[in-house]
Amino acid sequence: MEPPPRCNYLVINRQRKHSIDGAEVRRFLSTLVETLGVEDPFSVVFVTDGEIRRYNRQYRGLDKPTDVLSFPGEDRYLGDILISSETAYNQTRKSQTLTFEANVQRLILHGLLHLMGYDHETDHGEMRAVEHRLRRRFQC
């Protein structure tokens, strides 16, 4: 009998405004990690708009909330993905087709691609193409 696969990610919910289905997030992450071949550990942290705004101001000089921020790690730690559940929820309210759960998956995917070294601001469309293909695959 094979041992169960090693879980190389941590999901932390530091907000209470919107319900996060932790089991569903972990199922998505398991498939995504396997698809992308991610081996180094990382974390996904759900935060409030206020918290993500502080990080956005401190690290990007933008004094406003955003949906997702990625912070690369060092050595064998891939890094951290911060997601504002409030902004993610508000984005879905403006869409006629996007659900909160699918948007959370999109933001996790986007953040993880950044941790893997993709940068849509400098890579001439490479990250956008990969992200678009994976969004179709995962229907998010």
N, C-alpha and C. Protein backbone atom coordinates (compact mmCIF):
# COMPACT_ATOMS: atom_id res chain seq x y z
N MET A 1 0.84 -1.18 0.00
CA MET A 1 0.00 0.00 0.00
C MET A 1 0.89 1.25 0.00
N GLU A 2 0.57 2.19 -0.90
CA GLU A 2 1.34 3.43 -0.99
C GLU A 2 0.93 4.39 0.11
N PRO A 3 1.90 5.15 0.65
CA PRO A 3 1.53 6.17 1.63
C PRO A 3 0.74 7.28 0.94
N PRO A 4 -0.10 7.99 1.69
CA PRO A 4 -0.85 9.09 1.07
C PRO A 4 0.10 10.18 0.59
N PRO A 5 -0.29 10.92 -0.44
CA PRO A 5 0.58 11.97 -0.94
C PRO A 5 0.82 13.03 0.13
N ARG A 6 2.03 13.58 0.11
CA ARG A 6 2.42 14.59 1.08
C ARG A 6 1.68 15.90 0.76
N CYS A 7 1.10 16.49 1.77
CA CYS A 7 0.42 17.77 1.59
C CYS A 7 1.47 18.87 1.72
N ASN A 8 1.69 19.60 0.64
CA ASN A 8 2.74 20.61 0.65
C ASN A 8 2.20 22.02 0.67
N TYR A 9 1.00 22.19 1.18
CA TYR A 9 0.42 23.52 1.27
C TYR A 9 -0.39 23.61 2.57
N LEU A 10 -0.58 24.84 3.00
CA LEU A 10 -1.34 25.11 4.20
C LEU A 10 -2.41 26.13 3.85
N VAL A 11 -3.64 25.91 4.28
CA VAL A 11 -4.73 26.84 4.04
C VAL A 11 -5.12 27.43 5.39
N ILE A 12 -5.08 28.76 5.47
CA ILE A 12 -5.38 29.47 6.72
C ILE A 12 -6.48 30.49 6.44
N ASN A 13 -7.49 30.50 7.27
CA ASN A 13 -8.59 31.46 7.13
C ASN A 13 -8.52 32.45 8.28
N ARG A 14 -8.09 33.68 7.97
CA ARG A 14 -7.96 34.72 9.01
C ARG A 14 -9.05 35.78 8.87
N GLN A 15 -10.17 35.41 8.32
CA GLN A 15 -11.30 36.32 8.18
C GLN A 15 -12.59 35.56 8.49
N ARG A 16 -13.62 36.27 8.81
CA ARG A 16 -14.90 35.63 9.14
C ARG A 16 -16.06 36.19 8.33
N LYS A 17 -15.79 37.08 7.40
CA LYS A 17 -16.86 37.75 6.67
C LYS A 17 -17.54 36.83 5.65
N HIS A 18 -16.76 35.97 5.00
CA HIS A 18 -17.30 35.08 3.97
C HIS A 18 -16.84 33.65 4.24
N SER A 19 -17.77 32.74 4.14
CA SER A 19 -17.47 31.33 4.41
C SER A 19 -16.55 30.75 3.34
N ILE A 20 -15.50 30.12 3.79
CA ILE A 20 -14.54 29.45 2.90
C ILE A 20 -14.71 27.95 3.11
N ASP A 21 -14.95 27.22 2.03
CA ASP A 21 -15.07 25.77 2.11
C ASP A 21 -13.66 25.19 2.05
N GLY A 22 -13.08 24.98 3.23
CA GLY A 22 -11.70 24.52 3.32
C GLY A 22 -11.47 23.20 2.61
N ALA A 23 -12.41 22.28 2.72
CA ALA A 23 -12.25 20.97 2.06
C ALA A 23 -12.22 21.15 0.55
N GLU A 24 -13.08 22.00 0.01
CA GLU A 24 -13.11 22.24 -1.43
C GLU A 24 -11.83 22.93 -1.90
N VAL A 25 -11.34 23.89 -1.11
CA VAL A 25 -10.08 24.57 -1.45
C VAL A 25 -8.93 23.57 -1.47
N ARG A 26 -8.88 22.68 -0.48
CA ARG A 26 -7.80 21.68 -0.44
C ARG A 26 -7.91 20.68 -1.59
N ARG A 27 -9.14 20.30 -1.98
CA ARG A 27 -9.30 19.40 -3.14
C ARG A 27 -8.76 20.08 -4.40
N PHE A 28 -9.14 21.35 -4.59
CA PHE A 28 -8.64 22.09 -5.76
C PHE A 28 -7.12 22.20 -5.72
N LEU A 29 -6.59 22.54 -4.56
CA LEU A 29 -5.12 22.67 -4.45
C LEU A 29 -4.41 21.36 -4.74
N SER A 30 -4.95 20.26 -4.28
CA SER A 30 -4.32 18.95 -4.55
C SER A 30 -4.20 18.70 -6.03
N THR A 31 -5.28 18.96 -6.77
CA THR A 31 -5.26 18.76 -8.21
C THR A 31 -4.34 19.76 -8.90
N LEU A 32 -4.41 21.01 -8.48
CA LEU A 32 -3.58 22.05 -9.09
C LEU A 32 -2.10 21.79 -8.86
N VAL A 33 -1.74 21.44 -7.65
CA VAL A 33 -0.34 21.15 -7.31
C VAL A 33 0.19 20.00 -8.15
N GLU A 34 -0.62 18.97 -8.30
CA GLU A 34 -0.21 17.82 -9.11
C GLU A 34 -0.07 18.22 -10.57
N THR A 35 -1.01 18.97 -11.09
CA THR A 35 -0.99 19.41 -12.49
C THR A 35 0.25 20.25 -12.79
N LEU A 36 0.59 21.16 -11.87
CA LEU A 36 1.72 22.06 -12.08
C LEU A 36 3.06 21.47 -11.63
N GLY A 37 3.02 20.33 -10.96
CA GLY A 37 4.26 19.71 -10.50
C GLY A 37 4.92 20.48 -9.37
N VAL A 38 4.12 21.14 -8.55
CA VAL A 38 4.66 21.91 -7.43
C VAL A 38 5.07 20.96 -6.31
N GLU A 39 6.31 21.08 -5.87
CA GLU A 39 6.80 20.22 -4.80
C GLU A 39 7.11 20.99 -3.52
N ASP A 40 7.50 22.25 -3.65
CA ASP A 40 7.85 23.03 -2.47
C ASP A 40 6.59 23.51 -1.75
N PRO A 41 6.65 23.59 -0.42
CA PRO A 41 5.48 24.00 0.34
C PRO A 41 5.17 25.49 0.17
N PHE A 42 3.89 25.81 0.36
CA PHE A 42 3.42 27.19 0.30
C PHE A 42 2.16 27.30 1.13
N SER A 43 1.69 28.53 1.32
CA SER A 43 0.45 28.72 2.07
C SER A 43 -0.51 29.59 1.29
N VAL A 44 -1.80 29.38 1.55
CA VAL A 44 -2.88 30.21 1.04
C VAL A 44 -3.59 30.76 2.27
N VAL A 45 -3.62 32.10 2.38
CA VAL A 45 -4.19 32.74 3.56
C VAL A 45 -5.33 33.66 3.13
N PHE A 46 -6.51 33.43 3.68
CA PHE A 46 -7.67 34.27 3.40
C PHE A 46 -7.71 35.37 4.45
N VAL A 47 -7.78 36.62 3.98
CA VAL A 47 -7.70 37.79 4.86
C VAL A 47 -8.83 38.77 4.54
N THR A 48 -8.92 39.81 5.34
CA THR A 48 -9.90 40.87 5.13
C THR A 48 -9.36 41.90 4.15
N ASP A 49 -10.25 42.77 3.67
CA ASP A 49 -9.80 43.88 2.82
C ASP A 49 -8.81 44.77 3.56
N GLY A 50 -9.07 45.02 4.84
CA GLY A 50 -8.17 45.87 5.61
C GLY A 50 -6.77 45.31 5.68
N GLU A 51 -6.66 44.01 5.90
CA GLU A 51 -5.34 43.39 6.00
C GLU A 51 -4.61 43.40 4.66
N ILE A 52 -5.31 43.03 3.59
CA ILE A 52 -4.64 43.00 2.29
C ILE A 52 -4.29 44.42 1.83
N ARG A 53 -5.08 45.38 2.24
CA ARG A 53 -4.77 46.78 1.92
C ARG A 53 -3.44 47.20 2.57
N ARG A 54 -3.25 46.80 3.81
CA ARG A 54 -1.98 47.12 4.50
C ARG A 54 -0.78 46.51 3.77
N TYR A 55 -0.92 45.26 3.37
CA TYR A 55 0.18 44.61 2.63
C TYR A 55 0.39 45.28 1.27
N ASN A 56 -0.68 45.61 0.59
CA ASN A 56 -0.59 46.25 -0.72
C ASN A 56 0.10 47.62 -0.60
N ARG A 57 -0.24 48.35 0.44
CA ARG A 57 0.38 49.66 0.67
C ARG A 57 1.87 49.51 1.01
N GLN A 58 2.17 48.56 1.89
CA GLN A 58 3.55 48.38 2.35
C GLN A 58 4.47 47.85 1.26
N TYR A 59 4.00 46.89 0.47
CA TYR A 59 4.90 46.22 -0.47
C TYR A 59 4.75 46.68 -1.92
N ARG A 60 3.62 47.30 -2.26
CA ARG A 60 3.44 47.75 -3.64
C ARG A 60 3.18 49.24 -3.76
N GLY A 61 3.05 49.91 -2.61
CA GLY A 61 2.82 51.34 -2.62
C GLY A 61 1.43 51.74 -3.07
N LEU A 62 0.50 50.80 -3.06
CA LEU A 62 -0.88 51.06 -3.49
C LEU A 62 -1.79 51.01 -2.27
N ASP A 63 -2.37 52.14 -1.90
CA ASP A 63 -3.18 52.22 -0.69
C ASP A 63 -4.64 51.87 -0.99
N LYS A 64 -4.84 50.61 -1.35
CA LYS A 64 -6.19 50.10 -1.62
C LYS A 64 -6.18 48.58 -1.51
N PRO A 65 -7.34 48.00 -1.24
CA PRO A 65 -7.39 46.54 -1.22
C PRO A 65 -7.23 45.97 -2.62
N THR A 66 -6.82 44.75 -2.69
CA THR A 66 -6.70 44.03 -3.96
C THR A 66 -7.22 42.61 -3.72
N ASP A 67 -7.34 41.83 -4.77
CA ASP A 67 -7.89 40.48 -4.59
C ASP A 67 -6.85 39.47 -4.12
N VAL A 68 -5.65 39.52 -4.69
CA VAL A 68 -4.64 38.52 -4.35
C VAL A 68 -3.24 39.14 -4.39
N LEU A 69 -2.42 38.73 -3.44
CA LEU A 69 -1.01 39.10 -3.42
C LEU A 69 -0.20 37.83 -3.21
N SER A 70 0.95 37.77 -3.86
CA SER A 70 1.86 36.62 -3.70
C SER A 70 3.18 37.12 -3.16
N PHE A 71 3.72 36.40 -2.19
CA PHE A 71 5.00 36.74 -1.60
C PHE A 71 5.92 35.53 -1.71
N PRO A 72 6.89 35.59 -2.62
CA PRO A 72 7.81 34.46 -2.78
C PRO A 72 8.57 34.16 -1.50
N GLY A 73 8.83 32.88 -1.29
CA GLY A 73 9.58 32.45 -0.12
C GLY A 73 11.06 32.31 -0.45
N GLU A 74 11.75 31.63 0.42
CA GLU A 74 13.19 31.40 0.25
C GLU A 74 13.49 29.92 0.39
N ASP A 75 14.63 29.54 -0.14
CA ASP A 75 15.10 28.17 -0.07
C ASP A 75 14.03 27.23 -0.61
N ARG A 76 13.59 26.28 0.20
CA ARG A 76 12.62 25.28 -0.27
C ARG A 76 11.18 25.64 0.13
N TYR A 77 10.94 26.90 0.48
CA TYR A 77 9.59 27.37 0.76
C TYR A 77 9.15 28.26 -0.38
N LEU A 78 8.09 27.86 -1.09
CA LEU A 78 7.66 28.57 -2.29
C LEU A 78 7.13 29.97 -1.97
N GLY A 79 6.36 30.10 -0.89
CA GLY A 79 5.88 31.42 -0.51
C GLY A 79 4.45 31.41 -0.01
N ASP A 80 3.86 32.62 0.03
CA ASP A 80 2.52 32.81 0.58
C ASP A 80 1.62 33.49 -0.44
N ILE A 81 0.39 33.04 -0.50
CA ILE A 81 -0.65 33.67 -1.33
C ILE A 81 -1.68 34.23 -0.37
N LEU A 82 -1.92 35.54 -0.43
CA LEU A 82 -2.94 36.19 0.38
C LEU A 82 -4.12 36.52 -0.53
N ILE A 83 -5.32 36.15 -0.08
CA ILE A 83 -6.53 36.41 -0.85
C ILE A 83 -7.51 37.16 0.04
N SER A 84 -8.00 38.29 -0.45
CA SER A 84 -9.05 39.00 0.26
C SER A 84 -10.39 38.37 -0.10
N SER A 85 -11.01 37.74 0.88
CA SER A 85 -12.32 37.12 0.62
C SER A 85 -13.36 38.19 0.31
N GLU A 86 -13.22 39.38 0.91
CA GLU A 86 -14.18 40.45 0.65
C GLU A 86 -14.12 40.90 -0.80
N THR A 87 -12.91 41.16 -1.30
CA THR A 87 -12.77 41.59 -2.69
C THR A 87 -13.20 40.47 -3.64
N ALA A 88 -12.82 39.25 -3.33
CA ALA A 88 -13.22 38.11 -4.18
C ALA A 88 -14.74 38.00 -4.23
N TYR A 89 -15.39 38.16 -3.10
CA TYR A 89 -16.85 38.08 -3.05
C TYR A 89 -17.48 39.22 -3.86
N ASN A 90 -16.95 40.42 -3.67
CA ASN A 90 -17.50 41.58 -4.40
C ASN A 90 -17.32 41.45 -5.91
N GLN A 91 -16.24 40.83 -6.34
CA GLN A 91 -16.03 40.59 -7.77
C GLN A 91 -17.12 39.68 -8.32
N THR A 92 -17.50 38.67 -7.56
CA THR A 92 -18.51 37.73 -8.04
C THR A 92 -19.89 38.37 -8.07
N ARG A 93 -20.13 39.31 -7.20
CA ARG A 93 -21.44 40.01 -7.21
C ARG A 93 -21.61 40.84 -8.46
N LYS A 94 -20.50 41.25 -9.07
CA LYS A 94 -20.54 42.06 -10.29
C LYS A 94 -20.62 41.19 -11.55
N SER A 95 -20.45 39.88 -11.39
CA SER A 95 -20.44 38.96 -12.53
C SER A 95 -21.74 38.16 -12.58
N GLN A 96 -22.21 37.90 -13.77
CA GLN A 96 -23.41 37.08 -13.91
C GLN A 96 -23.07 35.59 -13.99
N THR A 97 -21.80 35.26 -14.16
CA THR A 97 -21.42 33.85 -14.36
C THR A 97 -20.44 33.32 -13.31
N LEU A 98 -19.67 34.17 -12.68
CA LEU A 98 -18.60 33.72 -11.78
C LEU A 98 -19.15 33.51 -10.37
N THR A 99 -18.90 32.32 -9.82
CA THR A 99 -19.28 32.05 -8.43
C THR A 99 -18.12 32.42 -7.51
N PHE A 100 -18.43 32.57 -6.24
CA PHE A 100 -17.39 32.88 -5.25
C PHE A 100 -16.34 31.77 -5.23
N GLU A 101 -16.78 30.52 -5.24
CA GLU A 101 -15.85 29.39 -5.18
C GLU A 101 -14.93 29.37 -6.41
N ALA A 102 -15.50 29.61 -7.59
CA ALA A 102 -14.68 29.63 -8.81
C ALA A 102 -13.70 30.80 -8.78
N ASN A 103 -14.13 31.93 -8.26
CA ASN A 103 -13.23 33.08 -8.18
C ASN A 103 -12.09 32.81 -7.22
N VAL A 104 -12.37 32.17 -6.10
CA VAL A 104 -11.31 31.79 -5.16
C VAL A 104 -10.31 30.88 -5.87
N GLN A 105 -10.79 29.94 -6.67
CA GLN A 105 -9.89 29.06 -7.41
C GLN A 105 -9.05 29.85 -8.40
N ARG A 106 -9.65 30.80 -9.10
CA ARG A 106 -8.91 31.65 -10.05
C ARG A 106 -7.79 32.40 -9.33
N LEU A 107 -8.11 32.94 -8.17
CA LEU A 107 -7.13 33.73 -7.43
C LEU A 107 -6.00 32.84 -6.89
N ILE A 108 -6.33 31.65 -6.45
CA ILE A 108 -5.30 30.71 -6.01
C ILE A 108 -4.38 30.37 -7.18
N LEU A 109 -4.97 30.05 -8.32
CA LEU A 109 -4.20 29.73 -9.53
C LEU A 109 -3.28 30.90 -9.88
N HIS A 110 -3.83 32.11 -9.92
CA HIS A 110 -3.05 33.30 -10.27
C HIS A 110 -1.89 33.48 -9.29
N GLY A 111 -2.19 33.38 -8.01
CA GLY A 111 -1.15 33.55 -7.00
C GLY A 111 -0.07 32.50 -7.08
N LEU A 112 -0.47 31.26 -7.32
CA LEU A 112 0.51 30.17 -7.39
C LEU A 112 1.41 30.32 -8.61
N LEU A 113 0.86 30.76 -9.73
CA LEU A 113 1.69 30.99 -10.91
C LEU A 113 2.75 32.06 -10.62
N HIS A 114 2.37 33.10 -9.88
CA HIS A 114 3.35 34.11 -9.48
C HIS A 114 4.45 33.48 -8.62
N LEU A 115 4.06 32.64 -7.66
CA LEU A 115 5.07 32.00 -6.80
C LEU A 115 6.00 31.11 -7.61
N MET A 116 5.50 30.60 -8.73
CA MET A 116 6.33 29.73 -9.58
C MET A 116 7.23 30.55 -10.52
N GLY A 117 7.13 31.88 -10.44
CA GLY A 117 8.04 32.72 -11.21
C GLY A 117 7.42 33.41 -12.41
N TYR A 118 6.15 33.16 -12.69
CA TYR A 118 5.50 33.86 -13.79
C TYR A 118 5.21 35.30 -13.38
N ASP A 119 5.27 36.21 -14.36
CA ASP A 119 4.97 37.62 -14.08
C ASP A 119 4.30 38.22 -15.30
N HIS A 120 2.98 38.40 -15.23
CA HIS A 120 2.21 38.89 -16.37
C HIS A 120 2.58 40.31 -16.78
N GLU A 121 3.29 41.03 -15.92
CA GLU A 121 3.68 42.40 -16.27
C GLU A 121 4.94 42.43 -17.13
N THR A 122 5.70 41.33 -17.16
CA THR A 122 6.98 41.35 -17.88
C THR A 122 7.20 40.19 -18.84
N ASP A 123 6.32 39.18 -18.85
CA ASP A 123 6.63 37.96 -19.61
C ASP A 123 5.98 37.87 -20.99
N HIS A 124 5.51 39.00 -21.52
CA HIS A 124 4.98 39.06 -22.90
C HIS A 124 3.84 38.08 -23.14
N GLY A 125 2.98 37.89 -22.12
CA GLY A 125 1.78 37.07 -22.30
C GLY A 125 1.91 35.62 -21.91
N GLU A 126 3.08 35.18 -21.49
CA GLU A 126 3.27 33.76 -21.15
C GLU A 126 2.37 33.35 -19.97
N MET A 127 2.36 34.15 -18.91
CA MET A 127 1.54 33.80 -17.75
C MET A 127 0.06 33.81 -18.11
N ARG A 128 -0.36 34.81 -18.86
CA ARG A 128 -1.77 34.89 -19.25
C ARG A 128 -2.20 33.65 -20.03
N ALA A 129 -1.34 33.18 -20.92
CA ALA A 129 -1.67 32.00 -21.72
C ALA A 129 -1.78 30.75 -20.84
N VAL A 130 -0.83 30.57 -19.94
CA VAL A 130 -0.86 29.42 -19.04
C VAL A 130 -2.09 29.49 -18.14
N GLU A 131 -2.34 30.68 -17.61
CA GLU A 131 -3.48 30.85 -16.71
C GLU A 131 -4.80 30.60 -17.44
N HIS A 132 -4.92 31.11 -18.64
CA HIS A 132 -6.14 30.92 -19.43
C HIS A 132 -6.38 29.42 -19.70
N ARG A 133 -5.33 28.72 -20.07
CA ARG A 133 -5.46 27.28 -20.34
C ARG A 133 -5.90 26.53 -19.09
N LEU A 134 -5.30 26.88 -17.94
CA LEU A 134 -5.64 26.19 -16.70
C LEU A 134 -7.04 26.57 -16.19
N ARG A 135 -7.46 27.80 -16.44
CA ARG A 135 -8.82 28.19 -16.07
C ARG A 135 -9.84 27.36 -16.85
N ARG A 136 -9.57 27.15 -18.12
CA ARG A 136 -10.48 26.31 -18.92
C ARG A 136 -10.47 24.87 -18.37
N ARG A 137 -9.30 24.37 -18.07
CA ARG A 137 -9.20 23.00 -17.58
C ARG A 137 -9.95 22.80 -16.26
N PHE A 138 -9.80 23.77 -15.36
CA PHE A 138 -10.43 23.65 -14.05
C PHE A 138 -11.80 24.32 -13.96
N GLN A 139 -12.24 24.89 -15.07
CA GLN A 139 -13.54 25.55 -15.15
C GLN A 139 -13.71 26.61 -14.06
N CYS A 140 -12.72 27.48 -13.99
CA CYS A 140 -12.81 28.55 -12.98
C CYS A 140 -12.49 29.91 -13.59
